[in-house]
Amino acid sequence: IIRAAILSIPKGQWEAGYSMGMSYQQL
């Protein structure tokens, strides 16, 4: 359930977080 919920988040939000300098844990 949790894995599916995480994967449902658009990839653009991952990319936006990394572009702001966030680490994987912070994101």
PDB file of all heavy atoms in Angstrom:
ATOM      1  N   ILE A   1       0.838  -1.204   0.000  1.00  0.00           N
ATOM      2  CA  ILE A   1       0.000   0.000   0.000  1.00  0.00           C
ATOM      3  C   ILE A   1       0.869   1.248   0.000  1.00  0.00           C
ATOM      4  O   ILE A   1       0.646   2.191  -0.770  1.00  0.00           O
ATOM      5  CB  ILE A   1      -0.932  -0.006   1.227  1.00  0.00           C
ATOM      6  CG1 ILE A   1      -1.927  -1.173   1.138  1.00  0.00           C
ATOM      7  CG2 ILE A   1      -1.669   1.325   1.356  1.00  0.00           C
ATOM      8  CD1 ILE A   1      -2.773  -1.347   2.380  1.00  0.00           C
ATOM      9  N   ILE A   2       1.867   1.258   0.873  1.00  0.00           N
ATOM     10  CA  ILE A   2       2.747   2.423   0.986  1.00  0.00           C
ATOM     11  C   ILE A   2       3.586   2.591  -0.271  1.00  0.00           C
ATOM     12  O   ILE A   2       3.791   3.714  -0.753  1.00  0.00           O
ATOM     13  CB  ILE A   2       3.638   2.283   2.236  1.00  0.00           C
ATOM     14  CG1 ILE A   2       2.762   2.316   3.494  1.00  0.00           C
ATOM     15  CG2 ILE A   2       4.689   3.391   2.277  1.00  0.00           C
ATOM     16  CD1 ILE A   2       3.503   2.022   4.776  1.00  0.00           C
ATOM     17  N   ARG A   3       4.073   1.487  -0.805  1.00  0.00           N
ATOM     18  CA  ARG A   3       4.877   1.569  -2.038  1.00  0.00           C
ATOM     19  C   ARG A   3       4.060   2.157  -3.177  1.00  0.00           C
ATOM     20  O   ARG A   3       4.534   3.023  -3.917  1.00  0.00           O
ATOM     21  CB  ARG A   3       5.391   0.174  -2.422  1.00  0.00           C
ATOM     22  CG  ARG A   3       6.286   0.166  -3.651  1.00  0.00           C
ATOM     23  CD  ARG A   3       6.875  -1.213  -3.862  1.00  0.00           C
ATOM     24  NE  ARG A   3       5.858  -2.145  -4.323  1.00  0.00           N
ATOM     25  CZ  ARG A   3       5.593  -2.409  -5.611  1.00  0.00           C
ATOM     26  NH1 ARG A   3       6.273  -1.778  -6.565  1.00  0.00           N
ATOM     27  NH2 ARG A   3       4.674  -3.275  -5.949  1.00  0.00           N
ATOM     28  N   ALA A   4       2.820   1.682  -3.308  1.00  0.00           N
ATOM     29  CA  ALA A   4       1.956   2.221  -4.366  1.00  0.00           C
ATOM     30  C   ALA A   4       1.673   3.704  -4.143  1.00  0.00           C
ATOM     31  O   ALA A   4       1.619   4.484  -5.105  1.00  0.00           O
ATOM     32  CB  ALA A   4       0.654   1.434  -4.411  1.00  0.00           C
ATOM     33  N   ALA A   5       1.500   4.102  -2.876  1.00  0.00           N
ATOM     34  CA  ALA A   5       1.243   5.514  -2.572  1.00  0.00           C
ATOM     35  C   ALA A   5       2.447   6.373  -2.924  1.00  0.00           C
ATOM     36  O   ALA A   5       2.299   7.482  -3.470  1.00  0.00           O
ATOM     37  CB  ALA A   5       0.889   5.668  -1.099  1.00  0.00           C
ATOM     38  N   ILE A   6       3.646   5.880  -2.624  1.00  0.00           N
ATOM     39  CA  ILE A   6       4.860   6.635  -2.948  1.00  0.00           C
ATOM     40  C   ILE A   6       5.022   6.765  -4.462  1.00  0.00           C
ATOM     41  O   ILE A   6       5.344   7.834  -4.984  1.00  0.00           O
ATOM     42  CB  ILE A   6       6.099   5.957  -2.328  1.00  0.00           C
ATOM     43  CG1 ILE A   6       6.052   6.064  -0.794  1.00  0.00           C
ATOM     44  CG2 ILE A   6       7.384   6.584  -2.861  1.00  0.00           C
ATOM     45  CD1 ILE A   6       7.165   5.319  -0.091  1.00  0.00           C
ATOM     46  N   LEU A   7       4.786   5.663  -5.164  1.00  0.00           N
ATOM     47  CA  LEU A   7       4.942   5.682  -6.622  1.00  0.00           C
ATOM     48  C   LEU A   7       3.877   6.527  -7.310  1.00  0.00           C
ATOM     49  O   LEU A   7       4.045   6.914  -8.473  1.00  0.00           O
ATOM     50  CB  LEU A   7       4.903   4.250  -7.170  1.00  0.00           C
ATOM     51  CG  LEU A   7       6.067   3.346  -6.745  1.00  0.00           C
ATOM     52  CD1 LEU A   7       5.879   1.945  -7.306  1.00  0.00           C
ATOM     53  CD2 LEU A   7       7.404   3.928  -7.192  1.00  0.00           C
ATOM     54  N   SER A   8       2.775   6.818  -6.588  1.00  0.00           N
ATOM     55  CA  SER A   8       1.717   7.644  -7.178  1.00  0.00           C
ATOM     56  C   SER A   8       2.085   9.126  -7.199  1.00  0.00           C
ATOM     57  O   SER A   8       1.442   9.910  -7.892  1.00  0.00           O
ATOM     58  CB  SER A   8       0.406   7.453  -6.404  1.00  0.00           C
ATOM     59  OG  SER A   8       0.482   8.041  -5.109  1.00  0.00           O
ATOM     60  N   ILE A   9       3.111   9.498  -6.446  1.00  0.00           N
ATOM     61  CA  ILE A   9       3.547  10.897  -6.433  1.00  0.00           C
ATOM     62  C   ILE A   9       4.250  11.199  -7.752  1.00  0.00           C
ATOM     63  O   ILE A   9       5.167  10.469  -8.144  1.00  0.00           O
ATOM     64  CB  ILE A   9       4.499  11.168  -5.244  1.00  0.00           C
ATOM     65  CG1 ILE A   9       3.850  10.721  -3.927  1.00  0.00           C
ATOM     66  CG2 ILE A   9       4.882  12.635  -5.207  1.00  0.00           C
ATOM     67  CD1 ILE A   9       2.548  11.384  -3.615  1.00  0.00           C
ATOM     68  N   PRO A  10       3.872  12.238  -8.459  1.00  0.00           N
ATOM     69  CA  PRO A  10       4.482  12.549  -9.766  1.00  0.00           C
ATOM     70  C   PRO A  10       6.004  12.687  -9.679  1.00  0.00           C
ATOM     71  O   PRO A  10       6.537  13.236  -8.695  1.00  0.00           O
ATOM     72  CB  PRO A  10       3.834  13.887 -10.149  1.00  0.00           C
ATOM     73  CG  PRO A  10       2.532  13.894  -9.405  1.00  0.00           C
ATOM     74  CD  PRO A  10       2.798  13.191  -8.112  1.00  0.00           C
ATOM     75  N   LYS A  11       6.683  12.187 -10.685  1.00  0.00           N
ATOM     76  CA  LYS A  11       8.147  12.248 -10.701  1.00  0.00           C
ATOM     77  C   LYS A  11       8.655  13.685 -10.707  1.00  0.00           C
ATOM     78  O   LYS A  11       9.778  13.958 -10.267  1.00  0.00           O
ATOM     79  CB  LYS A  11       8.687  11.504 -11.920  1.00  0.00           C
ATOM     80  CG  LYS A  11       8.501   9.999 -11.851  1.00  0.00           C
ATOM     81  CD  LYS A  11       9.144   9.300 -13.041  1.00  0.00           C
ATOM     82  CE  LYS A  11       8.989   7.789 -12.935  1.00  0.00           C
ATOM     83  NZ  LYS A  11       9.605   7.086 -14.102  1.00  0.00           N
ATOM     84  N   GLY A  12       7.816  14.597 -11.197  1.00  0.00           N
ATOM     85  CA  GLY A  12       8.229  15.995 -11.235  1.00  0.00           C
ATOM     86  C   GLY A  12       8.517  16.545  -9.856  1.00  0.00           C
ATOM     87  O   GLY A  12       9.370  17.442  -9.695  1.00  0.00           O
ATOM     88  N   GLN A  13       7.836  16.018  -8.830  1.00  0.00           N
ATOM     89  CA  GLN A  13       8.080  16.490  -7.470  1.00  0.00           C
ATOM     90  C   GLN A  13       9.417  15.980  -6.949  1.00  0.00           C
ATOM     91  O   GLN A  13      10.085  16.660  -6.176  1.00  0.00           O
ATOM     92  CB  GLN A  13       6.933  16.057  -6.566  1.00  0.00           C
ATOM     93  CG  GLN A  13       5.590  16.651  -6.969  1.00  0.00           C
ATOM     94  CD  GLN A  13       4.569  16.594  -5.875  1.00  0.00           C
ATOM     95  OE1 GLN A  13       4.904  16.663  -4.690  1.00  0.00           O
ATOM     96  NE2 GLN A  13       3.301  16.491  -6.252  1.00  0.00           N
ATOM     97  N   TRP A  14       9.791  14.781  -7.364  1.00  0.00           N
ATOM     98  CA  TRP A  14      11.129  14.294  -7.019  1.00  0.00           C
ATOM     99  C   TRP A  14      12.188  15.193  -7.654  1.00  0.00           C
ATOM    100  O   TRP A  14      13.146  15.612  -6.993  1.00  0.00           O
ATOM    101  CB  TRP A  14      11.311  12.854  -7.513  1.00  0.00           C
ATOM    102  CG  TRP A  14      10.514  11.809  -6.797  1.00  0.00           C
ATOM    103  CD1 TRP A  14       9.232  11.449  -7.043  1.00  0.00           C
ATOM    104  CD2 TRP A  14      10.957  10.993  -5.704  1.00  0.00           C
ATOM    105  NE1 TRP A  14       8.838  10.450  -6.179  1.00  0.00           N
ATOM    106  CE2 TRP A  14       9.879  10.149  -5.350  1.00  0.00           C
ATOM    107  CE3 TRP A  14      12.161  10.887  -4.998  1.00  0.00           C
ATOM    108  CZ2 TRP A  14       9.964   9.217  -4.330  1.00  0.00           C
ATOM    109  CZ3 TRP A  14      12.260   9.944  -3.982  1.00  0.00           C
ATOM    110  CH2 TRP A  14      11.171   9.135  -3.648  1.00  0.00           C
ATOM    111  N   GLU A  15      11.993  15.455  -8.927  1.00  0.00           N
ATOM    112  CA  GLU A  15      12.974  16.265  -9.655  1.00  0.00           C
ATOM    113  C   GLU A  15      13.051  17.682  -9.092  1.00  0.00           C
ATOM    114  O   GLU A  15      14.140  18.261  -8.979  1.00  0.00           O
ATOM    115  CB  GLU A  15      12.596  16.306 -11.139  1.00  0.00           C
ATOM    116  CG  GLU A  15      12.662  14.943 -11.799  1.00  0.00           C
ATOM    117  CD  GLU A  15      12.080  14.949 -13.203  1.00  0.00           C
ATOM    118  OE1 GLU A  15      11.548  16.008 -13.606  1.00  0.00           O
ATOM    119  OE2 GLU A  15      12.157  13.907 -13.883  1.00  0.00           O
ATOM    120  N   ALA A  16      11.886  18.237  -8.706  1.00  0.00           N
ATOM    121  CA  ALA A  16      11.886  19.581  -8.133  1.00  0.00           C
ATOM    122  C   ALA A  16      12.629  19.608  -6.809  1.00  0.00           C
ATOM    123  O   ALA A  16      13.377  20.558  -6.509  1.00  0.00           O
ATOM    124  CB  ALA A  16      10.443  20.063  -7.936  1.00  0.00           C
ATOM    125  N   GLY A  17      12.448  18.571  -6.002  1.00  0.00           N
ATOM    126  CA  GLY A  17      13.138  18.499  -4.717  1.00  0.00           C
ATOM    127  C   GLY A  17      14.643  18.405  -4.886  1.00  0.00           C
ATOM    128  O   GLY A  17      15.410  19.088  -4.189  1.00  0.00           O
ATOM    129  N   TYR A  18      15.080  17.580  -5.843  1.00  0.00           N
ATOM    130  CA  TYR A  18      16.519  17.446  -6.085  1.00  0.00           C
ATOM    131  C   TYR A  18      17.102  18.744  -6.638  1.00  0.00           C
ATOM    132  O   TYR A  18      18.240  19.118  -6.313  1.00  0.00           O
ATOM    133  CB  TYR A  18      16.775  16.302  -7.071  1.00  0.00           C
ATOM    134  CG  TYR A  18      16.623  14.927  -6.457  1.00  0.00           C
ATOM    135  CD1 TYR A  18      15.852  13.948  -7.080  1.00  0.00           C
ATOM    136  CD2 TYR A  18      17.271  14.591  -5.269  1.00  0.00           C
ATOM    137  CE1 TYR A  18      15.702  12.688  -6.535  1.00  0.00           C
ATOM    138  CE2 TYR A  18      17.136  13.340  -4.713  1.00  0.00           C
ATOM    139  CZ  TYR A  18      16.355  12.384  -5.348  1.00  0.00           C
ATOM    140  OH  TYR A  18      16.219  11.141  -4.799  1.00  0.00           O
ATOM    141  N   SER A  19      16.316  19.451  -7.459  1.00  0.00           N
ATOM    142  CA  SER A  19      16.814  20.710  -8.033  1.00  0.00           C
ATOM    143  C   SER A  19      16.982  21.788  -6.967  1.00  0.00           C
ATOM    144  O   SER A  19      17.754  22.738  -7.151  1.00  0.00           O
ATOM    145  CB  SER A  19      15.849  21.206  -9.118  1.00  0.00           C
ATOM    146  OG  SER A  19      14.597  21.584  -8.547  1.00  0.00           O
ATOM    147  N   MET A  20      16.260  21.636  -5.841  1.00  0.00           N
ATOM    148  CA  MET A  20      16.387  22.581  -4.734  1.00  0.00           C
ATOM    149  C   MET A  20      17.524  22.206  -3.791  1.00  0.00           C
ATOM    150  O   MET A  20      17.739  22.863  -2.779  1.00  0.00           O
ATOM    151  CB  MET A  20      15.072  22.648  -3.961  1.00  0.00           C
ATOM    152  CG  MET A  20      13.905  23.212  -4.767  1.00  0.00           C
ATOM    153  SD  MET A  20      12.329  23.090  -3.865  1.00  0.00           S
ATOM    154  CE  MET A  20      12.695  24.128  -2.438  1.00  0.00           C
ATOM    155  N   GLY A  21      18.208  21.134  -4.119  1.00  0.00           N
ATOM    156  CA  GLY A  21      19.350  20.724  -3.310  1.00  0.00           C
ATOM    157  C   GLY A  21      19.013  19.787  -2.167  1.00  0.00           C
ATOM    158  O   GLY A  21      19.844  19.568  -1.279  1.00  0.00           O
ATOM    159  N   MET A  22      17.805  19.253  -2.156  1.00  0.00           N
ATOM    160  CA  MET A  22      17.428  18.321  -1.092  1.00  0.00           C
ATOM    161  C   MET A  22      18.099  16.974  -1.288  1.00  0.00           C
ATOM    162  O   MET A  22      18.295  16.517  -2.422  1.00  0.00           O
ATOM    163  CB  MET A  22      15.911  18.114  -1.067  1.00  0.00           C
ATOM    164  CG  MET A  22      15.112  19.300  -0.589  1.00  0.00           C
ATOM    165  SD  MET A  22      13.349  18.879  -0.442  1.00  0.00           S
ATOM    166  CE  MET A  22      12.691  20.442   0.136  1.00  0.00           C
ATOM    167  N   SER A  23      18.429  16.328  -0.159  1.00  0.00           N
ATOM    168  CA  SER A  23      18.929  14.961  -0.223  1.00  0.00           C
ATOM    169  C   SER A  23      17.746  14.005  -0.359  1.00  0.00           C
ATOM    170  O   SER A  23      16.578  14.403  -0.243  1.00  0.00           O
ATOM    171  CB  SER A  23      19.717  14.630   1.046  1.00  0.00           C
ATOM    172  OG  SER A  23      18.867  14.643   2.189  1.00  0.00           O
ATOM    173  N   TYR A  24      18.038  12.733  -0.590  1.00  0.00           N
ATOM    174  CA  TYR A  24      16.973  11.727  -0.730  1.00  0.00           C
ATOM    175  C   TYR A  24      16.136  11.649   0.541  1.00  0.00           C
ATOM    176  O   TYR A  24      14.905  11.591   0.491  1.00  0.00           O
ATOM    177  CB  TYR A  24      17.605  10.371  -1.040  1.00  0.00           C
ATOM    178  CG  TYR A  24      16.615   9.246  -1.193  1.00  0.00           C
ATOM    179  CD1 TYR A  24      15.843   9.123  -2.339  1.00  0.00           C
ATOM    180  CD2 TYR A  24      16.469   8.290  -0.191  1.00  0.00           C
ATOM    181  CE1 TYR A  24      14.933   8.080  -2.486  1.00  0.00           C
ATOM    182  CE2 TYR A  24      15.569   7.247  -0.325  1.00  0.00           C
ATOM    183  CZ  TYR A  24      14.806   7.144  -1.475  1.00  0.00           C
ATOM    184  OH  TYR A  24      13.905   6.111  -1.608  1.00  0.00           O
ATOM    185  N   GLN A  25      16.809  11.667   1.702  1.00  0.00           N
ATOM    186  CA  GLN A  25      16.102  11.589   2.979  1.00  0.00           C
ATOM    187  C   GLN A  25      15.228  12.820   3.211  1.00  0.00           C
ATOM    188  O   GLN A  25      14.098  12.710   3.682  1.00  0.00           O
ATOM    189  CB  GLN A  25      17.102  11.417   4.130  1.00  0.00           C
ATOM    190  CG  GLN A  25      17.831  10.079   4.161  1.00  0.00           C
ATOM    191  CD  GLN A  25      18.968  10.004   3.157  1.00  0.00           C
ATOM    192  OE1 GLN A  25      19.327  11.007   2.519  1.00  0.00           O
ATOM    193  NE2 GLN A  25      19.548   8.824   3.012  1.00  0.00           N
ATOM    194  N   GLN A  26      15.762  13.996   2.905  1.00  0.00           N
ATOM    195  CA  GLN A  26      14.990  15.224   3.077  1.00  0.00           C
ATOM    196  C   GLN A  26      13.776  15.252   2.150  1.00  0.00           C
ATOM    197  O   GLN A  26      12.686  15.679   2.546  1.00  0.00           O
ATOM    198  CB  GLN A  26      15.883  16.436   2.809  1.00  0.00           C
ATOM    199  CG  GLN A  26      16.947  16.677   3.851  1.00  0.00           C
ATOM    200  CD  GLN A  26      17.882  17.809   3.471  1.00  0.00           C
ATOM    201  OE1 GLN A  26      18.150  18.032   2.283  1.00  0.00           O
ATOM    202  NE2 GLN A  26      18.376  18.537   4.475  1.00  0.00           N
ATOM    203  N   LEU A  27      13.953  14.783   0.942  1.00  0.00           N
ATOM    204  CA  LEU A  27      12.866  14.761  -0.030  1.00  0.00           C
ATOM    205  C   LEU A  27      11.740  13.838   0.433  1.00  0.00           C
ATOM    206  O   LEU A  27      10.556  14.185   0.351  1.00  0.00           O
ATOM    207  CB  LEU A  27      13.410  14.323  -1.388  1.00  0.00           C
ATOM    208  CG  LEU A  27      12.438  14.313  -2.575  1.00  0.00           C
ATOM    209  CD1 LEU A  27      11.828  15.692  -2.773  1.00  0.00           C
ATOM    210  CD2 LEU A  27      13.154  13.854  -3.838  1.00  0.00           C
TER     211      LEU A  27
END
